[in-house]
Protein backbone atom coordinates (compact mmCIF):
# COMPACT_ATOMS: atom_id res chain seq x y z
CA UNK A 1 107.62 97.07 110.71
CA UNK A 2 106.01 100.31 109.62
CA UNK A 3 107.71 102.48 107.07
CA UNK A 4 106.62 105.01 104.56
CA UNK A 5 107.87 107.07 101.69
CA UNK A 6 110.14 109.46 103.45
CA UNK A 7 111.36 112.88 102.51
CA UNK A 8 114.10 111.43 100.34
CA UNK A 9 111.89 110.02 97.59
CA UNK A 10 108.41 110.93 96.48
CA UNK A 11 106.20 111.42 93.46
CA UNK A 12 106.79 114.36 91.15
CA UNK A 13 103.79 116.40 92.35
CA UNK A 14 104.87 115.63 95.91
CA UNK A 15 108.47 116.47 95.08
CA UNK A 16 107.41 119.73 93.48
CA UNK A 17 105.45 120.61 96.60
CA UNK A 18 107.96 119.40 99.14
CA UNK A 19 111.27 120.16 97.45
CA UNK A 20 112.79 116.77 98.18
CA UNK A 21 116.41 115.76 97.97
CA UNK A 22 115.70 113.55 94.98
CA UNK A 23 116.88 116.36 92.75
CA UNK A 24 120.37 115.72 94.06
CA UNK A 25 120.67 113.42 91.04
CA UNK A 26 120.99 116.57 88.93
CA UNK A 27 124.41 118.12 88.57
CA UNK A 28 124.95 121.88 88.95
CA UNK A 29 125.14 123.84 85.70
CA UNK A 30 128.35 125.77 85.30
CA UNK A 31 128.27 129.32 84.06
CA UNK A 32 129.87 129.86 80.61
CA UNK A 33 132.75 131.81 82.19
CA UNK A 34 133.57 129.06 84.67
CA UNK A 35 133.20 126.34 82.05
CA UNK A 36 135.53 128.25 79.72
CA UNK A 37 138.09 128.79 82.49
CA UNK A 38 138.07 125.09 83.25
CA UNK A 39 138.49 124.24 79.59
CA UNK A 40 141.34 126.66 79.00
CA UNK A 41 143.10 126.35 82.35
CA UNK A 42 142.37 128.76 85.19
CA UNK A 43 144.34 132.01 85.42
CA UNK A 44 146.21 132.91 88.62
CA UNK A 45 143.68 135.69 89.20
CA UNK A 46 140.77 133.24 88.91
CA UNK A 47 142.43 130.83 91.31
CA UNK A 48 143.14 133.59 93.83
CA UNK A 49 139.54 134.83 93.62
CA UNK A 50 138.25 131.30 94.10
CA UNK A 51 140.38 130.80 97.21
CA UNK A 52 139.24 134.10 98.68
CA UNK A 53 135.58 133.23 98.15
CA UNK A 54 136.14 129.72 99.47
CA UNK A 55 137.61 131.09 102.69
CA UNK A 56 134.61 133.41 103.10
CA UNK A 57 132.23 130.54 102.50
CA UNK A 58 134.00 128.20 104.92
CA UNK A 59 134.02 130.84 107.68
CA UNK A 60 130.32 131.62 107.24
CA UNK A 61 129.37 127.98 106.98
CA UNK A 62 131.34 127.02 110.09
CA UNK A 63 129.58 129.70 112.13
CA UNK A 64 126.18 128.57 110.84
CA UNK A 65 126.91 124.89 111.45
CA UNK A 66 127.81 125.62 115.07
CA UNK A 67 124.42 127.25 115.67
CA UNK A 68 122.49 124.73 113.58
CA UNK A 69 124.21 121.78 115.23
CA UNK A 70 123.06 122.91 118.66
CA UNK A 71 119.52 123.43 117.38
CA UNK A 72 119.22 120.02 115.74
CA UNK A 73 120.73 118.31 118.78
CA UNK A 74 117.96 119.89 120.82
CA UNK A 75 115.39 118.63 118.29
CA UNK A 76 116.73 115.09 118.63
CA UNK A 77 116.76 115.21 122.43
CA UNK A 78 113.21 116.55 122.62
CA UNK A 79 112.06 113.81 120.24
CA UNK A 80 113.59 111.12 122.46
CA UNK A 81 111.87 112.64 125.48
CA UNK A 82 108.47 112.66 123.74
CA UNK A 83 108.76 109.06 122.60
CA UNK A 84 109.80 107.98 126.10
CA UNK A 85 106.87 109.82 127.68
CA UNK A 86 104.42 108.20 125.29
CA UNK A 87 105.80 104.76 126.06
CA UNK A 88 105.18 105.44 129.75
CA UNK A 89 101.68 106.84 129.17
CA UNK A 90 102.63 110.39 130.14
CA UNK A 91 101.15 113.50 128.52
CA UNK A 92 103.25 115.42 125.99
CA UNK A 93 103.21 119.21 126.39
CA UNK A 94 104.53 122.21 124.50
CA UNK A 95 107.69 122.06 126.59
CA UNK A 96 108.52 118.78 124.88
CA UNK A 97 109.07 120.54 121.55
CA UNK A 98 111.61 123.07 120.31
CA UNK A 99 109.45 126.14 119.74
CA UNK A 100 112.03 128.27 117.92
CA UNK A 101 112.22 128.03 114.15
CA UNK A 102 115.23 126.27 112.66
CA UNK A 103 118.21 128.43 111.61
CA UNK A 104 118.68 128.65 107.84
CA UNK A 105 121.97 129.29 106.07
CA UNK A 106 121.91 132.67 104.31
CA UNK A 107 125.62 133.20 103.75
CA UNK A 108 127.67 133.02 100.56
CA UNK A 109 127.42 129.93 98.36
CA UNK A 110 130.33 127.57 97.94
CA UNK A 111 132.29 128.79 94.91
CA UNK A 112 133.06 126.54 91.95
CA UNK A 113 136.69 125.51 91.72
CA UNK A 114 138.07 126.71 88.34
CA UNK A 115 140.77 124.02 88.55
CA UNK A 116 139.40 120.59 87.62
CA UNK A 117 140.87 117.71 89.56
CA UNK A 118 143.11 115.82 87.12
CA UNK A 119 142.68 112.60 89.12
CA UNK A 120 138.91 112.42 88.66
CA UNK A 121 136.87 112.37 85.51
CA UNK A 122 133.59 114.21 85.01
CA UNK A 123 130.81 113.26 87.38
CA UNK A 124 128.18 111.06 85.79
CA UNK A 125 124.58 111.37 86.85
CA UNK A 126 123.24 108.05 88.07
CA UNK A 127 119.98 107.05 86.41
CA UNK A 128 117.32 105.34 88.47
CA UNK A 129 115.49 102.25 87.18
CA UNK A 130 112.18 102.97 85.47
CA UNK A 131 109.08 100.93 84.66
CA UNK A 132 110.76 99.28 81.66
CA UNK A 133 113.57 98.10 83.95
CA UNK A 134 111.12 96.66 86.47
CA UNK A 135 109.29 94.78 83.74
CA UNK A 136 112.55 93.52 82.25
CA UNK A 137 113.74 92.31 85.64
CA UNK A 138 110.44 90.50 86.24
CA UNK A 139 110.94 88.60 82.98
CA UNK A 140 114.56 87.71 83.59
CA UNK A 141 114.42 87.02 87.35
CA UNK A 142 111.04 85.31 87.68
CA UNK A 143 109.82 84.68 84.10
CA UNK A 144 106.82 86.86 84.91
CA UNK A 145 104.89 89.61 83.16
CA UNK A 146 102.29 91.58 85.13
CA UNK A 147 98.69 91.54 83.92
CA UNK A 148 98.21 95.11 82.72
CA UNK A 149 94.80 96.86 82.58
CA UNK A 150 93.09 97.50 79.26
CA UNK A 151 92.45 101.07 80.45
CA UNK A 152 93.31 103.28 83.40
CA UNK A 153 89.69 103.16 84.51
CA UNK A 154 89.89 99.37 84.78
CA UNK A 155 92.76 99.67 87.26
CA UNK A 156 90.96 102.40 89.17
CA UNK A 157 87.90 100.19 89.56
CA UNK A 158 90.07 97.35 90.86
CA UNK A 159 91.76 99.74 93.30
CA UNK A 160 88.40 101.11 94.46
CA UNK A 161 87.09 97.59 95.13
CA UNK A 162 90.21 96.69 97.12
CA UNK A 163 90.08 99.95 99.09
CA UNK A 164 86.42 99.58 100.02
CA UNK A 165 86.97 95.98 101.11
CA UNK A 166 89.77 97.21 103.38
CA UNK A 167 87.59 99.93 104.89
CA UNK A 168 89.23 102.88 103.11
CA UNK A 169 86.71 105.53 102.15
CA UNK A 170 86.40 107.16 98.76
CA UNK A 171 87.24 110.57 100.25
CA UNK A 172 90.51 109.36 101.78
CA UNK A 173 91.61 107.42 98.70
CA UNK A 174 90.78 110.20 96.24
CA UNK A 175 92.40 112.95 98.30
CA UNK A 176 95.60 110.96 98.81
CA UNK A 177 95.65 110.13 95.09
CA UNK A 178 95.11 113.81 94.27
CA UNK A 179 98.08 114.80 96.39
CA UNK A 180 100.48 111.99 95.50
CA UNK A 181 99.89 112.06 91.72
CA UNK A 182 98.87 115.67 91.22
CA UNK A 183 95.30 114.62 90.42
CA UNK A 184 95.99 113.02 87.05
CA UNK A 185 98.43 110.16 87.58
CA UNK A 186 98.14 106.65 86.20
CA UNK A 187 98.75 103.29 87.82
CA UNK A 188 102.23 103.24 86.24
CA UNK A 189 103.13 106.87 87.00
CA UNK A 190 106.69 107.04 88.31
CA UNK A 191 108.08 109.84 90.43
CA UNK A 192 109.68 112.51 88.26
CA UNK A 193 108.57 111.17 84.88
CA UNK A 194 106.06 113.32 83.04
CA UNK A 195 104.97 112.38 79.50
CA UNK A 196 104.18 116.02 78.78
CA UNK A 197 107.74 117.04 79.63
CA UNK A 198 110.30 115.51 77.24
CA UNK A 199 113.58 114.81 78.98
CA UNK A 200 112.06 114.43 82.44
CA UNK A 201 113.84 111.90 84.61
CA UNK A 202 112.84 109.60 87.43
CA UNK A 203 113.65 111.05 90.84
CA UNK A 204 112.67 107.93 92.79
CA UNK A 205 111.33 104.43 92.23
CA UNK A 206 107.90 105.43 93.55
CA UNK A 207 105.03 104.22 91.35
CA UNK A 208 101.26 104.39 91.34
CA UNK A 209 98.36 106.07 93.07
CA UNK A 210 100.05 106.01 96.48
CA UNK A 211 103.61 106.15 95.12
CA UNK A 212 105.24 102.98 96.43
CA UNK A 213 109.02 102.76 96.47
CA UNK A 214 110.75 99.45 95.80
CA UNK A 215 111.28 99.08 99.55
CA UNK A 216 107.57 99.70 100.20
CA UNK A 217 106.61 96.94 97.79
CA UNK A 218 109.12 94.51 99.30
CA UNK A 219 108.00 95.34 102.84
CA UNK A 220 104.38 94.58 101.96
CA UNK A 221 105.37 91.32 100.27
CA UNK A 222 107.23 90.33 103.44
CA UNK A 223 104.55 91.37 105.93
CA UNK A 224 101.33 90.74 104.01
CA UNK A 225 102.39 87.80 101.83
CA UNK A 226 99.83 85.32 103.25
CA UNK A 227 96.99 87.84 102.84
CA UNK A 228 97.97 88.59 99.25
CA UNK A 229 98.23 84.89 98.47
CA UNK A 230 94.75 84.36 99.91
CA UNK A 231 93.35 86.97 97.52
CA UNK A 232 95.11 85.37 94.54
CA UNK A 233 93.94 81.87 95.47
CA UNK A 234 90.35 83.05 95.83
CA UNK A 235 90.49 84.55 92.37
CA UNK A 236 92.10 81.45 90.93
CA UNK A 237 89.20 79.36 92.21
CA UNK A 238 86.82 81.33 89.97
CA UNK A 239 88.88 80.93 86.78
CA UNK A 240 89.23 78.23 84.16
CA UNK A 241 91.35 77.46 81.13
CA UNK A 242 94.15 79.86 80.10
CA UNK A 243 93.15 82.41 82.73
CA UNK A 244 93.46 79.83 85.50
CA UNK A 245 96.82 78.71 84.13
CA UNK A 246 98.08 82.30 84.10
CA UNK A 247 96.86 82.85 87.66
CA UNK A 248 98.49 79.65 88.88
CA UNK A 249 101.77 80.87 87.38
CA UNK A 250 101.35 84.24 89.11
CA UNK A 251 100.73 82.50 92.43
CA UNK A 252 103.85 80.39 91.99
CA UNK A 253 105.89 83.49 91.15
CA UNK A 254 104.55 85.35 94.17
CA UNK A 255 105.46 82.45 96.45
CA UNK A 256 109.02 82.55 95.11
CA UNK A 257 109.20 86.30 95.66
CA UNK A 258 107.85 85.97 99.20
CA UNK A 259 110.33 83.20 100.00
CA UNK A 260 113.21 85.30 98.63
CA UNK A 261 112.25 88.27 100.80
CA UNK A 262 111.77 86.16 103.93
CA UNK A 263 115.14 84.45 103.46
CA UNK A 264 117.01 87.64 104.35
CA UNK A 265 116.99 90.15 107.23
CA UNK A 266 113.54 91.56 108.00
CA UNK A 267 114.33 95.25 108.27
CA UNK A 268 113.63 98.39 106.29
CA UNK A 269 117.33 98.88 105.50
CA UNK A 270 117.57 95.32 104.20
CA UNK A 271 114.51 95.84 102.00
CA UNK A 272 116.02 99.07 100.68
CA UNK A 273 119.17 97.17 99.68
CA UNK A 274 117.13 94.44 98.00
CA UNK A 275 115.23 97.15 96.15
CA UNK A 276 118.47 98.20 94.48
CA UNK A 277 118.90 94.79 92.84
CA UNK A 278 117.25 93.27 89.74
CA UNK A 279 115.44 90.84 92.03
CA UNK A 280 113.97 93.77 93.96
CA UNK A 281 113.07 95.54 90.73
CA UNK A 282 111.22 92.41 89.61
CA UNK A 283 109.16 92.42 92.80
CA UNK A 284 108.32 96.08 92.26
CA UNK A 285 106.77 95.16 88.90
CA UNK A 286 103.87 93.68 90.92
CA UNK A 287 102.65 97.25 91.48
CA UNK A 288 101.62 97.24 87.80
CA UNK A 289 99.65 93.98 88.00
CA UNK A 290 95.85 94.11 87.94
CA UNK A 291 95.50 91.47 90.65
CA UNK A 292 98.33 92.44 93.00
CA UNK A 293 98.90 96.15 92.30
CA UNK A 294 95.65 97.47 93.82
CA UNK A 295 96.26 95.33 96.91
CA UNK A 296 99.75 96.78 97.33
CA UNK A 297 98.42 100.33 96.96
CA UNK A 298 95.75 99.67 99.59
CA UNK A 299 98.19 98.10 102.05
CA UNK A 300 100.44 101.16 101.66
CA UNK A 301 97.59 103.34 102.94
CA UNK A 302 96.67 100.88 105.67
CA UNK A 303 100.21 100.93 107.09
CA UNK A 304 99.70 104.34 108.65
CA UNK A 305 96.06 103.69 109.56
CA UNK A 306 97.00 100.51 111.42
CA UNK A 307 100.00 102.18 113.08
CA UNK A 308 97.77 104.85 114.59
CA UNK A 309 95.01 102.39 115.44
CA UNK A 310 97.43 100.11 117.30
CA UNK A 311 98.39 103.08 119.47
CA UNK A 312 94.88 103.95 120.50
CA UNK A 313 93.69 106.35 117.79
CA UNK A 314 90.19 105.09 117.06
CA UNK A 315 88.94 108.10 115.10
CA UNK A 316 89.34 108.14 111.32
CA UNK A 317 92.46 109.99 110.21
CA UNK A 318 92.04 112.66 107.57
CA UNK A 319 93.82 112.32 104.24
CA UNK A 320 96.14 115.18 105.19
CA UNK A 321 97.00 113.48 108.48
CA UNK A 322 97.84 110.29 106.60
CA UNK A 323 100.15 112.35 104.40
CA UNK A 324 101.90 113.71 107.47
CA UNK A 325 102.66 110.13 108.53
CA UNK A 326 103.74 109.34 105.00
CA UNK A 327 105.95 112.41 104.79
CA UNK A 328 107.75 112.25 108.11
CA UNK A 329 107.46 108.55 108.95
CA UNK A 330 104.77 106.90 111.04
CA UNK A 331 106.39 107.69 114.39
CA UNK A 332 106.82 111.41 113.76
CA UNK A 333 103.53 111.57 111.88
CA UNK A 334 101.70 109.98 114.79
CA UNK A 335 103.17 112.72 116.96
CA UNK A 336 101.69 115.33 114.61
CA UNK A 337 98.23 113.85 114.13
CA UNK A 338 97.61 113.31 117.86
CA UNK A 339 98.58 116.89 118.67
CA UNK A 340 95.75 119.24 119.79
CA UNK A 341 94.96 122.04 117.36
CA UNK A 342 96.23 124.73 119.73
CA UNK A 343 99.63 123.03 119.80
CA UNK A 344 99.63 122.52 116.03
CA UNK A 345 99.48 126.30 115.67
CA UNK A 346 102.66 126.75 117.72
CA UNK A 347 104.92 123.75 117.06
CA UNK A 348 107.47 124.22 114.25
CA UNK A 349 107.60 121.58 111.53
CA UNK A 350 111.34 121.21 112.15
CA UNK A 351 110.51 119.02 115.16
CA UNK A 352 109.52 116.17 112.82
CA UNK A 353 112.43 116.16 110.35
CA UNK A 354 116.07 115.30 110.20
CA UNK A 355 118.22 118.33 109.50
CA UNK A 356 119.13 117.42 105.91
CA UNK A 357 115.55 116.71 104.90
CA UNK A 358 114.27 119.91 106.45
CA UNK A 359 116.87 122.17 104.89
CA UNK A 360 115.99 120.80 101.43
CA UNK A 361 112.26 121.23 102.03
CA UNK A 362 111.07 124.73 101.12
CA UNK A 363 107.42 123.98 101.89
CA UNK A 364 108.11 122.73 105.43
CA UNK A 365 110.23 125.87 105.90
CA UNK A 366 107.65 128.23 104.40
CA UNK A 367 104.68 126.56 106.12
CA UNK A 368 106.63 126.25 109.30
CA UNK A 369 104.12 125.03 111.86
CA UNK A 370 102.17 121.78 111.96
CA UNK A 371 98.89 123.60 111.34
CA UNK A 372 100.28 125.43 108.31
CA UNK A 373 101.76 122.29 106.78
CA UNK A 374 98.50 120.40 107.15
CA UNK A 375 96.60 123.37 105.71
CA UNK A 376 98.74 123.57 102.54
CA UNK A 377 98.41 119.80 102.11
CA UNK A 378 94.62 120.07 102.32
CA UNK A 379 94.72 122.96 99.88
CA UNK A 380 96.62 120.92 97.29
CA UNK A 381 94.20 118.03 97.76
CA UNK A 382 91.26 120.38 97.20
CA UNK A 383 92.72 121.83 94.02
CA UNK A 384 93.97 118.56 92.50
CA UNK A 385 90.75 116.77 93.42
CA UNK A 386 89.01 118.72 90.65
CA UNK A 387 91.26 117.32 87.92
CA UNK A 388 90.09 114.55 85.53
CA UNK A 389 92.10 111.71 87.08
CA UNK A 390 90.75 112.37 90.56
CA UNK A 391 87.19 112.63 89.27
CA UNK A 392 87.61 109.31 87.45
CA UNK A 393 88.81 107.64 90.65
CA UNK A 394 85.83 109.04 92.55
CA UNK A 395 83.55 107.61 89.84
CA UNK A 396 85.30 104.25 90.13
CA UNK A 397 84.43 104.20 93.83
CA UNK A 398 80.83 104.90 92.92
CA UNK A 399 80.79 101.93 90.54
CA UNK A 400 82.45 99.68 93.10
CA UNK A 401 79.93 100.68 95.78
CA UNK A 402 77.00 100.03 93.46
CA UNK A 403 78.46 96.65 92.51
CA UNK A 404 78.87 95.66 96.17
CA UNK A 405 75.28 96.69 96.97
CA UNK A 406 73.95 94.67 94.05
CA UNK A 407 75.49 91.44 95.39
């Protein structure tokens, strides 16, 4: 099972770059005139004007949807053809992609109804769980509190050691971190929350250097549980006294979490549903733990690496290529990263998205070929890699390398 953070939920720097649908949690702001009309009761003239504009909008939208529907049906059919050809070992050519750019709606916007529906109350924005909720759920569901680092650098060193042991290079880890967190994120950074911006709100459950969603964490617990337990047991063997007691408790908690995940359906959709519950929130708190969190972050990166490797890609993937797999899903991303450069220059990015995700993604629209999208991703990595957080992570890799060589 190989899944990634898809277009629907990503870190704030990623969301700012990619224009994700996570901002759908925000409600539209009404103009003062419309708000006043709704408060006082709409006039006949306002109602008539609204109906006229609504008819114009519906006519324009219907015409657009007819064209767009045909386009996105062609995208889906071409995708099926490519996947089938790859399964049969056949070469994929330019003819297996839609080479026209996706149609974009440029007609009138849907007007705001000046008559509020008396049968429905005001819409309430749904808040997503945040770090405090994950920690609270861990206490209540599993009587567990993650071991937090004394400093951000301590977590970065632990992450660097785990990454190097897994064969992930400093360059890959730092560039992905630079892109996912904007170059300055902490181990507990959550998508959408920015301490420097009062009133900012979470736009997904993604946390950490590689921005794991609740479903990502649960997937890794399900698939890599024995490996994670092996790491914890090895560390326990080196501890004594209160530290050993705390580690033994953590191991027992992890076993309970693993058993809970394995007791249900083993699918991404099932893990997404579990991630909406307090039990799933509690599991997500492991991302914050000094012993487990770095391992989860590393396994998140390895998901795409292993996906490509299992399908015959033996060269190292670049950080930007890994982000393509992260952005569009491993299957679509694999399609992109195995594409020759000449084809990357010609194939529209729309070929790798669902319609809704693409139409909410201004960067994929603006940088509308595979080559352009990879180029802007590399550019952001270059820029953010010069920020303090990225430099600290690079230094942590240097310390971890020196420590390994000294052993």
